[in-house]
N, C-alpha and C. Protein backbone atom coordinates (compact mmCIF):
# COMPACT_ATOMS: atom_id res chain seq x y z
N UNK A 1 166.51 95.73 96.54
CA UNK A 1 165.48 96.73 96.65
C UNK A 1 164.19 96.31 95.91
N UNK A 2 164.35 95.64 94.77
CA UNK A 2 163.19 95.11 94.03
C UNK A 2 162.44 94.09 94.86
N UNK A 3 163.18 93.24 95.56
CA UNK A 3 162.58 92.19 96.36
C UNK A 3 161.79 92.86 97.52
N UNK A 4 162.41 93.87 98.12
CA UNK A 4 161.77 94.58 99.23
C UNK A 4 160.51 95.30 98.79
N UNK A 5 160.53 95.94 97.65
CA UNK A 5 159.36 96.65 97.13
C UNK A 5 158.25 95.66 96.79
N UNK A 6 158.56 94.51 96.24
CA UNK A 6 157.56 93.48 95.95
C UNK A 6 156.90 92.97 97.24
N UNK A 7 157.70 92.81 98.29
CA UNK A 7 157.20 92.36 99.56
C UNK A 7 156.23 93.39 100.14
N UNK A 8 156.54 94.67 100.09
CA UNK A 8 155.65 95.72 100.57
C UNK A 8 154.36 95.74 99.80
N UNK A 9 154.43 95.64 98.50
CA UNK A 9 153.25 95.62 97.66
C UNK A 9 152.37 94.40 98.01
N UNK A 10 152.96 93.25 98.19
CA UNK A 10 152.19 92.05 98.56
C UNK A 10 151.50 92.26 99.89
N UNK A 11 152.16 92.82 100.86
CA UNK A 11 151.54 93.06 102.18
C UNK A 11 150.37 94.05 102.03
N UNK A 12 150.54 95.07 101.22
CA UNK A 12 149.47 96.04 101.01
C UNK A 12 148.26 95.40 100.29
N UNK A 13 148.49 94.54 99.34
CA UNK A 13 147.41 93.87 98.64
C UNK A 13 146.64 92.94 99.62
N UNK A 14 147.36 92.21 100.43
CA UNK A 14 146.69 91.32 101.41
C UNK A 14 145.91 92.13 102.38
N UNK A 15 146.46 93.25 102.87
CA UNK A 15 145.74 94.09 103.79
C UNK A 15 144.49 94.66 103.17
N UNK A 16 144.55 95.09 101.93
CA UNK A 16 143.38 95.64 101.20
C UNK A 16 142.31 94.57 101.03
N UNK A 17 142.71 93.31 100.73
CA UNK A 17 141.75 92.26 100.61
C UNK A 17 141.06 91.92 101.92
N UNK A 18 141.80 91.96 103.02
CA UNK A 18 141.24 91.69 104.34
C UNK A 18 140.23 92.77 104.70
N UNK A 19 140.60 94.04 104.53
CA UNK A 19 139.72 95.15 104.84
C UNK A 19 138.46 95.07 103.98
N UNK A 20 138.63 94.83 102.69
CA UNK A 20 137.49 94.72 101.80
C UNK A 20 136.56 93.56 102.18
N UNK A 21 137.11 92.44 102.61
CA UNK A 21 136.30 91.31 103.06
C UNK A 21 135.54 91.64 104.31
N UNK A 22 136.16 92.31 105.26
CA UNK A 22 135.49 92.70 106.50
C UNK A 22 134.35 93.68 106.18
N UNK A 23 134.56 94.67 105.31
CA UNK A 23 133.55 95.60 104.94
C UNK A 23 132.40 94.92 104.20
N UNK A 24 132.70 93.97 103.36
CA UNK A 24 131.65 93.23 102.62
C UNK A 24 130.83 92.40 103.58
N UNK A 25 131.46 91.71 104.52
CA UNK A 25 130.71 90.94 105.52
C UNK A 25 129.84 91.85 106.37
N UNK A 26 130.38 92.99 106.77
CA UNK A 26 129.62 93.93 107.61
C UNK A 26 128.39 94.43 106.83
N UNK A 27 128.51 94.72 105.56
CA UNK A 27 127.43 95.19 104.77
C UNK A 27 126.37 94.10 104.59
N UNK A 28 126.73 92.84 104.36
CA UNK A 28 125.79 91.82 104.14
C UNK A 28 124.99 91.46 105.40
N UNK A 29 125.55 91.78 106.60
CA UNK A 29 124.81 91.52 107.84
C UNK A 29 123.98 92.70 108.30
N UNK A 30 124.08 93.84 107.62
CA UNK A 30 123.31 94.99 107.98
C UNK A 30 121.91 94.92 107.34
N UNK A 31 120.91 95.54 108.00
CA UNK A 31 119.58 95.55 107.43
C UNK A 31 119.61 96.29 106.12
N UNK A 32 118.81 95.86 105.18
CA UNK A 32 118.73 96.49 103.89
C UNK A 32 118.16 97.90 104.01
N UNK A 33 118.82 98.87 103.42
CA UNK A 33 118.32 100.22 103.44
C UNK A 33 117.93 100.72 102.09
N UNK A 34 118.37 100.08 101.05
CA UNK A 34 117.95 100.43 99.72
C UNK A 34 117.80 99.16 98.88
N UNK A 35 117.04 99.33 97.84
CA UNK A 35 116.79 98.14 96.99
C UNK A 35 117.03 98.48 95.55
N UNK A 36 117.38 97.49 94.78
CA UNK A 36 117.49 97.68 93.35
C UNK A 36 116.20 97.21 92.74
N UNK A 37 116.05 97.36 91.43
CA UNK A 37 114.82 96.99 90.75
C UNK A 37 114.60 95.47 90.76
N UNK A 38 115.63 94.67 91.04
CA UNK A 38 115.47 93.25 91.02
C UNK A 38 115.31 92.65 92.43
N UNK A 39 115.30 93.47 93.48
CA UNK A 39 115.21 92.94 94.80
C UNK A 39 113.87 93.31 95.41
N UNK A 40 113.58 92.80 96.62
CA UNK A 40 112.35 93.10 97.29
C UNK A 40 112.44 94.45 97.91
N UNK A 41 111.30 95.15 97.95
CA UNK A 41 111.28 96.46 98.57
C UNK A 41 111.26 96.32 100.08
N UNK A 42 112.13 97.05 100.75
CA UNK A 42 112.19 96.97 102.19
C UNK A 42 110.85 97.52 102.75
N UNK A 43 110.39 96.87 103.80
CA UNK A 43 109.19 97.30 104.52
C UNK A 43 109.66 97.90 105.85
N UNK A 44 109.14 99.05 106.16
CA UNK A 44 109.54 99.70 107.43
C UNK A 44 108.35 100.59 107.86
N UNK A 45 107.48 100.02 108.71
CA UNK A 45 106.39 100.77 109.26
C UNK A 45 106.12 100.34 110.67
N UNK A 46 105.03 100.75 111.28
CA UNK A 46 104.73 100.48 112.67
C UNK A 46 104.39 99.03 112.93
N UNK A 47 104.09 98.26 111.86
CA UNK A 47 103.62 96.87 112.02
C UNK A 47 104.65 95.87 111.51
N UNK A 48 105.32 96.18 110.41
CA UNK A 48 106.29 95.27 109.82
C UNK A 48 107.63 95.97 109.55
N UNK A 49 108.69 95.21 109.71
CA UNK A 49 110.04 95.66 109.41
C UNK A 49 110.69 94.63 108.50
N UNK A 50 111.66 95.02 107.74
CA UNK A 50 112.44 94.11 106.95
C UNK A 50 113.80 93.88 107.60
N UNK A 51 114.15 92.64 107.72
CA UNK A 51 115.45 92.25 108.28
C UNK A 51 116.19 91.51 107.16
N UNK A 52 117.49 91.49 107.22
CA UNK A 52 118.26 90.85 106.19
C UNK A 52 119.32 89.93 106.81
N UNK A 53 119.55 88.83 106.15
CA UNK A 53 120.52 87.84 106.57
C UNK A 53 121.24 87.30 105.35
N UNK A 54 122.54 87.06 105.50
CA UNK A 54 123.32 86.53 104.35
C UNK A 54 122.73 85.19 103.90
N UNK A 55 122.31 84.37 104.84
CA UNK A 55 121.82 83.00 104.49
C UNK A 55 120.31 82.99 104.12
N UNK A 56 119.51 83.88 104.68
CA UNK A 56 118.05 83.85 104.48
C UNK A 56 117.54 84.96 103.58
N UNK A 57 118.36 85.92 103.27
CA UNK A 57 117.92 87.07 102.47
C UNK A 57 117.02 88.00 103.31
N UNK A 58 116.18 88.74 102.65
CA UNK A 58 115.27 89.65 103.34
C UNK A 58 114.07 88.92 103.80
N UNK A 59 113.58 89.26 105.02
CA UNK A 59 112.35 88.64 105.54
C UNK A 59 111.70 89.68 106.48
N UNK A 60 110.42 89.43 106.74
CA UNK A 60 109.64 90.37 107.58
C UNK A 60 109.72 90.00 109.01
N UNK A 61 109.68 91.06 109.88
CA UNK A 61 109.63 90.88 111.30
C UNK A 61 108.55 91.80 111.89
N UNK A 62 108.24 91.59 113.17
CA UNK A 62 107.42 92.55 113.87
C UNK A 62 108.31 93.73 114.23
N UNK A 63 107.80 94.81 114.85
CA UNK A 63 108.62 95.95 115.17
C UNK A 63 109.77 95.67 116.13
N UNK A 64 109.69 94.53 116.89
CA UNK A 64 110.74 94.17 117.79
C UNK A 64 111.81 93.26 117.17
N UNK A 65 111.67 92.94 115.90
CA UNK A 65 112.68 92.12 115.23
C UNK A 65 112.42 90.65 115.22
N UNK A 66 111.26 90.19 115.69
CA UNK A 66 110.95 88.77 115.74
C UNK A 66 110.36 88.34 114.35
N UNK A 67 110.92 87.29 113.77
CA UNK A 67 110.60 86.84 112.45
C UNK A 67 109.12 86.49 112.31
N UNK A 68 108.55 86.74 111.14
CA UNK A 68 107.18 86.37 110.84
C UNK A 68 107.16 85.38 109.69
N UNK A 69 106.20 84.48 109.72
CA UNK A 69 106.08 83.41 108.75
C UNK A 69 104.69 83.39 108.10
N UNK A 70 104.62 82.74 106.91
CA UNK A 70 103.36 82.44 106.25
C UNK A 70 103.24 80.94 106.17
N UNK A 71 102.05 80.47 106.07
CA UNK A 71 101.71 79.04 106.04
C UNK A 71 101.18 78.70 104.65
N UNK A 72 101.84 77.78 103.96
CA UNK A 72 101.47 77.48 102.57
C UNK A 72 100.05 76.88 102.42
N UNK A 73 99.47 76.41 103.49
CA UNK A 73 98.15 75.82 103.45
C UNK A 73 97.08 76.92 103.45
N UNK A 74 97.45 78.13 103.94
CA UNK A 74 96.52 79.24 103.99
C UNK A 74 96.24 79.75 102.59
N UNK A 75 95.12 80.45 102.48
CA UNK A 75 94.81 81.20 101.26
C UNK A 75 94.66 82.68 101.65
N UNK A 76 94.58 83.51 100.70
CA UNK A 76 94.46 84.94 101.00
C UNK A 76 93.25 85.24 101.84
N UNK A 77 93.51 85.84 103.02
CA UNK A 77 92.46 86.20 103.95
C UNK A 77 91.89 85.08 104.81
N UNK A 78 92.49 83.88 104.70
CA UNK A 78 91.98 82.72 105.48
C UNK A 78 93.16 81.99 106.16
N UNK A 79 93.04 81.82 107.45
CA UNK A 79 94.01 81.06 108.23
C UNK A 79 93.53 79.63 108.44
N UNK A 80 94.35 78.66 108.12
CA UNK A 80 94.03 77.25 108.27
C UNK A 80 94.85 76.61 109.39
N UNK A 81 95.53 77.45 110.18
CA UNK A 81 96.34 76.98 111.29
C UNK A 81 95.55 77.15 112.57
N UNK A 82 95.11 76.03 113.17
CA UNK A 82 94.33 76.04 114.40
C UNK A 82 94.85 74.99 115.33
N UNK A 83 94.31 74.94 116.50
CA UNK A 83 94.65 73.92 117.51
C UNK A 83 96.14 73.89 117.83
N UNK A 84 96.74 72.67 117.70
CA UNK A 84 98.14 72.48 118.02
C UNK A 84 99.05 73.30 117.07
N UNK A 85 98.59 73.40 115.81
CA UNK A 85 99.33 74.20 114.86
C UNK A 85 99.47 75.64 115.39
N UNK A 86 98.37 76.22 115.85
CA UNK A 86 98.38 77.57 116.36
C UNK A 86 99.19 77.70 117.67
N UNK A 87 99.24 76.62 118.42
CA UNK A 87 100.08 76.68 119.64
C UNK A 87 101.56 76.73 119.27
N UNK A 88 101.95 76.11 118.21
CA UNK A 88 103.35 76.14 117.78
C UNK A 88 103.69 77.33 116.85
N UNK A 89 102.66 77.83 116.22
CA UNK A 89 102.83 78.97 115.29
C UNK A 89 101.79 80.07 115.64
N UNK A 90 102.03 80.76 116.72
CA UNK A 90 101.02 81.78 117.16
C UNK A 90 100.80 82.86 116.13
N UNK A 91 99.55 83.27 115.99
CA UNK A 91 99.21 84.30 115.03
C UNK A 91 99.79 85.62 115.49
N UNK A 92 100.19 86.45 114.52
CA UNK A 92 100.64 87.82 114.79
C UNK A 92 99.37 88.65 114.84
N UNK A 93 98.92 88.93 116.03
CA UNK A 93 97.59 89.57 116.21
C UNK A 93 97.74 91.06 116.47
N UNK A 94 96.68 91.76 116.08
CA UNK A 94 96.59 93.20 116.24
C UNK A 94 96.16 93.50 117.67
N UNK A 95 96.80 94.49 118.24
CA UNK A 95 96.41 94.93 119.61
C UNK A 95 95.97 96.37 119.60
N UNK A 96 95.84 97.00 118.44
CA UNK A 96 95.42 98.38 118.35
C UNK A 96 94.43 98.60 117.26
N UNK A 97 94.39 99.78 116.77
CA UNK A 97 93.48 100.12 115.70
C UNK A 97 93.89 99.50 114.36
N UNK A 98 92.92 99.07 113.57
CA UNK A 98 93.22 98.44 112.30
C UNK A 98 92.80 99.33 111.12
N UNK A 99 92.74 100.62 111.33
CA UNK A 99 92.43 101.57 110.25
C UNK A 99 93.69 102.26 109.81
N UNK A 100 93.74 102.66 108.57
CA UNK A 100 94.89 103.34 108.04
C UNK A 100 96.14 102.50 108.02
N UNK A 101 96.01 101.23 107.71
CA UNK A 101 97.15 100.34 107.73
C UNK A 101 98.07 100.61 106.57
N UNK A 102 99.38 100.35 106.75
CA UNK A 102 100.35 100.58 105.66
C UNK A 102 100.05 99.69 104.43
N UNK A 103 100.59 100.03 103.29
CA UNK A 103 100.40 99.28 102.06
C UNK A 103 100.77 97.83 102.25
N UNK A 104 99.93 96.94 101.82
CA UNK A 104 100.21 95.51 101.88
C UNK A 104 99.77 94.88 103.15
N UNK A 105 99.53 95.67 104.23
CA UNK A 105 99.16 95.16 105.54
C UNK A 105 97.66 95.19 105.66
N UNK A 106 97.08 94.07 106.12
CA UNK A 106 95.66 93.96 106.32
C UNK A 106 95.40 93.11 107.60
N UNK A 107 94.16 92.78 107.78
CA UNK A 107 93.82 91.93 108.94
C UNK A 107 92.72 90.93 108.47
N UNK A 108 92.59 89.91 109.27
CA UNK A 108 91.47 88.97 109.15
C UNK A 108 90.99 88.64 110.56
N UNK A 109 89.76 88.31 110.70
CA UNK A 109 89.25 87.89 112.01
C UNK A 109 89.25 86.35 112.01
N UNK A 110 89.98 85.80 112.96
CA UNK A 110 90.09 84.34 113.07
C UNK A 110 88.76 83.75 113.48
N UNK A 111 88.34 82.68 112.86
CA UNK A 111 87.05 82.03 113.17
C UNK A 111 87.14 81.16 114.41
N UNK A 112 88.37 80.76 114.82
CA UNK A 112 88.49 79.86 115.94
C UNK A 112 88.56 80.57 117.29
N UNK A 113 89.02 81.84 117.30
CA UNK A 113 89.20 82.54 118.58
C UNK A 113 88.84 84.03 118.49
N UNK A 114 88.36 84.47 117.32
CA UNK A 114 87.94 85.84 117.06
C UNK A 114 89.05 86.89 117.19
N UNK A 115 90.34 86.44 117.25
CA UNK A 115 91.40 87.43 117.26
C UNK A 115 91.55 88.05 115.89
N UNK A 116 92.04 89.26 115.88
CA UNK A 116 92.29 89.97 114.61
C UNK A 116 93.80 89.77 114.30
N UNK A 117 94.05 88.99 113.24
CA UNK A 117 95.39 88.63 112.82
C UNK A 117 95.85 89.48 111.67
N UNK A 118 97.10 89.93 111.74
CA UNK A 118 97.69 90.69 110.62
C UNK A 118 97.93 89.79 109.42
N UNK A 119 97.82 90.39 108.24
CA UNK A 119 98.16 89.73 106.99
C UNK A 119 99.15 90.61 106.25
N UNK A 120 99.91 90.02 105.36
CA UNK A 120 100.73 90.77 104.42
C UNK A 120 100.39 90.29 103.04
N UNK A 121 99.94 91.21 102.19
CA UNK A 121 99.46 90.88 100.85
C UNK A 121 98.41 89.74 100.91
N UNK A 122 97.55 89.78 101.94
CA UNK A 122 96.49 88.84 102.10
C UNK A 122 96.84 87.60 102.89
N UNK A 123 98.10 87.27 103.05
CA UNK A 123 98.50 86.03 103.72
C UNK A 123 98.67 86.25 105.23
N UNK A 124 97.99 85.43 106.03
CA UNK A 124 98.14 85.55 107.50
C UNK A 124 99.58 85.39 107.98
N UNK A 125 99.92 86.10 109.04
CA UNK A 125 101.30 86.08 109.54
C UNK A 125 101.39 85.41 110.90
N UNK A 126 102.44 84.68 111.12
CA UNK A 126 102.60 83.87 112.34
C UNK A 126 104.04 84.05 112.87
N UNK A 127 104.17 83.70 114.17
CA UNK A 127 105.47 83.55 114.85
C UNK A 127 105.77 82.08 114.93
N UNK A 128 107.01 81.72 115.24
CA UNK A 128 107.36 80.34 115.59
C UNK A 128 107.78 80.34 117.02
N UNK A 129 107.21 79.43 117.86
CA UNK A 129 107.39 79.52 119.31
C UNK A 129 108.84 79.42 119.74
N UNK A 130 109.71 78.76 118.99
CA UNK A 130 111.10 78.60 119.41
C UNK A 130 111.99 79.81 118.97
N UNK A 131 111.46 80.73 118.18
CA UNK A 131 112.21 81.86 117.80
C UNK A 131 112.30 82.96 118.88
N UNK A 132 113.42 83.61 118.93
CA UNK A 132 113.58 84.78 119.72
C UNK A 132 113.68 85.94 118.76
N UNK A 133 114.44 86.97 119.10
CA UNK A 133 114.67 88.05 118.18
C UNK A 133 115.97 87.83 117.38
N UNK A 134 116.62 86.68 117.59
CA UNK A 134 117.83 86.37 116.86
C UNK A 134 117.45 85.72 115.51
N UNK A 135 118.23 84.76 115.12
CA UNK A 135 118.01 84.09 113.83
C UNK A 135 116.72 83.29 113.86
N UNK A 136 115.94 83.38 112.79
CA UNK A 136 114.74 82.56 112.68
C UNK A 136 115.05 81.07 112.52
N UNK A 137 114.29 80.23 113.10
CA UNK A 137 114.55 78.77 113.05
C UNK A 137 113.43 77.99 112.38
N UNK A 138 112.34 78.65 111.94
CA UNK A 138 111.18 77.91 111.42
C UNK A 138 111.07 77.93 109.93
N UNK A 139 111.98 78.51 109.20
CA UNK A 139 111.84 78.57 107.75
C UNK A 139 111.84 77.14 107.12
N UNK A 140 110.79 76.79 106.43
CA UNK A 140 110.69 75.48 105.82
C UNK A 140 110.17 74.36 106.70
N UNK A 141 109.76 74.71 107.92
CA UNK A 141 109.26 73.69 108.88
C UNK A 141 107.75 73.58 108.76
N UNK A 142 107.21 72.41 108.60
CA UNK A 142 105.79 72.12 108.54
C UNK A 142 105.00 73.09 107.65
N UNK A 143 105.50 73.35 106.43
CA UNK A 143 104.84 74.14 105.47
C UNK A 143 104.82 75.65 105.80
N UNK A 144 105.64 76.08 106.74
CA UNK A 144 105.78 77.46 107.09
C UNK A 144 107.10 77.99 106.49
N UNK A 145 107.00 79.23 105.99
CA UNK A 145 108.19 79.87 105.41
C UNK A 145 108.27 81.32 105.88
N UNK A 146 109.49 81.83 105.94
CA UNK A 146 109.67 83.21 106.34
C UNK A 146 108.82 84.10 105.44
N UNK A 147 108.15 85.08 105.97
CA UNK A 147 107.40 86.06 105.18
C UNK A 147 108.43 86.96 104.54
N UNK A 148 108.30 87.15 103.25
CA UNK A 148 109.22 87.97 102.48
C UNK A 148 108.57 89.24 101.97
N UNK A 149 109.32 90.35 101.95
CA UNK A 149 108.74 91.56 101.37
C UNK A 149 108.46 91.39 99.92
N UNK A 150 107.47 92.09 99.42
CA UNK A 150 107.09 91.98 98.02
C UNK A 150 108.17 92.55 97.15
N UNK A 151 108.31 92.03 95.94
CA UNK A 151 109.28 92.55 94.99
C UNK A 151 108.97 94.04 94.70
N UNK A 152 109.99 94.80 94.59
CA UNK A 152 109.81 96.24 94.34
C UNK A 152 109.32 96.45 92.93
N UNK A 153 108.59 97.55 92.80
CA UNK A 153 108.15 97.96 91.46
C UNK A 153 108.00 99.44 91.44
N UNK A 154 108.14 100.07 90.32
CA UNK A 154 108.09 101.48 90.20
C UNK A 154 106.68 102.04 90.44
N UNK A 155 105.67 101.20 90.39
CA UNK A 155 104.29 101.68 90.55
C UNK A 155 103.77 101.41 91.95
N UNK A 156 104.60 100.95 92.90
CA UNK A 156 104.13 100.63 94.24
C UNK A 156 103.79 101.94 94.98
N UNK A 157 102.61 101.98 95.58
CA UNK A 157 102.21 103.17 96.34
C UNK A 157 102.84 103.07 97.73
N UNK A 158 102.98 104.21 98.39
CA UNK A 158 103.64 104.21 99.67
C UNK A 158 102.63 104.09 100.78
N UNK A 159 101.37 104.46 100.59
CA UNK A 159 100.33 104.32 101.60
C UNK A 159 99.06 103.77 100.99
N UNK A 160 98.35 103.00 101.78
CA UNK A 160 97.08 102.45 101.31
C UNK A 160 96.26 102.34 102.60
N UNK A 161 95.17 103.05 102.66
CA UNK A 161 94.31 103.05 103.83
C UNK A 161 93.21 102.00 103.78
N UNK A 162 93.17 101.21 102.71
CA UNK A 162 92.23 100.16 102.58
C UNK A 162 92.82 98.84 103.00
N UNK A 163 92.44 98.29 104.21
CA UNK A 163 93.02 97.02 104.63
C UNK A 163 92.45 95.86 103.74
N UNK A 164 93.17 94.76 103.79
CA UNK A 164 92.69 93.56 103.10
C UNK A 164 91.33 93.18 103.64
N UNK A 165 90.63 92.39 102.85
CA UNK A 165 89.28 91.95 103.29
C UNK A 165 89.35 91.21 104.63
N UNK A 166 88.36 91.44 105.42
CA UNK A 166 88.29 90.70 106.68
C UNK A 166 87.57 89.41 106.43
N UNK A 167 88.16 88.33 106.83
CA UNK A 167 87.59 87.03 106.58
C UNK A 167 86.70 86.57 107.71
N UNK A 168 85.51 86.18 107.41
CA UNK A 168 84.65 85.57 108.42
C UNK A 168 84.28 84.15 107.99
N UNK A 169 84.94 83.64 106.99
CA UNK A 169 84.63 82.30 106.51
C UNK A 169 85.09 81.29 107.55
N UNK A 170 84.46 80.21 107.63
CA UNK A 170 84.78 79.18 108.63
C UNK A 170 85.58 78.11 107.96
N UNK A 171 86.80 77.87 108.45
CA UNK A 171 87.64 76.84 107.92
C UNK A 171 87.32 75.51 108.57
N UNK A 172 87.16 74.49 107.72
CA UNK A 172 86.85 73.16 108.29
C UNK A 172 88.04 72.30 108.51
N UNK A 173 89.18 72.69 107.95
CA UNK A 173 90.38 71.88 108.12
C UNK A 173 91.11 72.34 109.43
N UNK A 174 91.57 71.40 110.17
CA UNK A 174 92.22 71.72 111.42
C UNK A 174 93.60 71.06 111.36
N UNK A 175 94.61 71.82 110.99
CA UNK A 175 95.97 71.29 110.80
C UNK A 175 96.71 71.32 112.14
N UNK A 176 97.09 70.16 112.62
CA UNK A 176 97.77 70.09 113.89
C UNK A 176 99.21 69.62 113.69
N UNK A 177 100.16 70.24 114.27
CA UNK A 177 101.52 69.85 114.18
C UNK A 177 102.11 69.75 115.57
């Protein structure tokens, strides 16, 4: 009887571990719905969404779930991706009104084609041509990285109707990839 009871307990422990593992995996693949003080604040508005991946962490997407990137050569309010670079890393451009934008979201006017490009915390946002709405493939490619939501803080406001400065400066560098 002792041997039989031990066997039943062992089976129950294994079953509990399997169920716990499945639940943990399911939770890590779900979009983040809450944040702790040490994590990034989830973004969820009409322009940007936060997606989460076990391997990539939290990153920003457009409303359709397509990953967005920043370019390390850019500076706040200035895009330095033009020509072939822009062909491979299309700008996330505005197609509607740019007033009353959510906190952290702004725009800049591109000097090469006059398109109005979205920015997040001043940094221009781009797509990668080979990405679909599945897993992003451009993180770390040619100085581009997934756009990440800003770290959460207790003093973060929920709305900001003042967009980032609109840049009309002319960039002389033409980065082609």
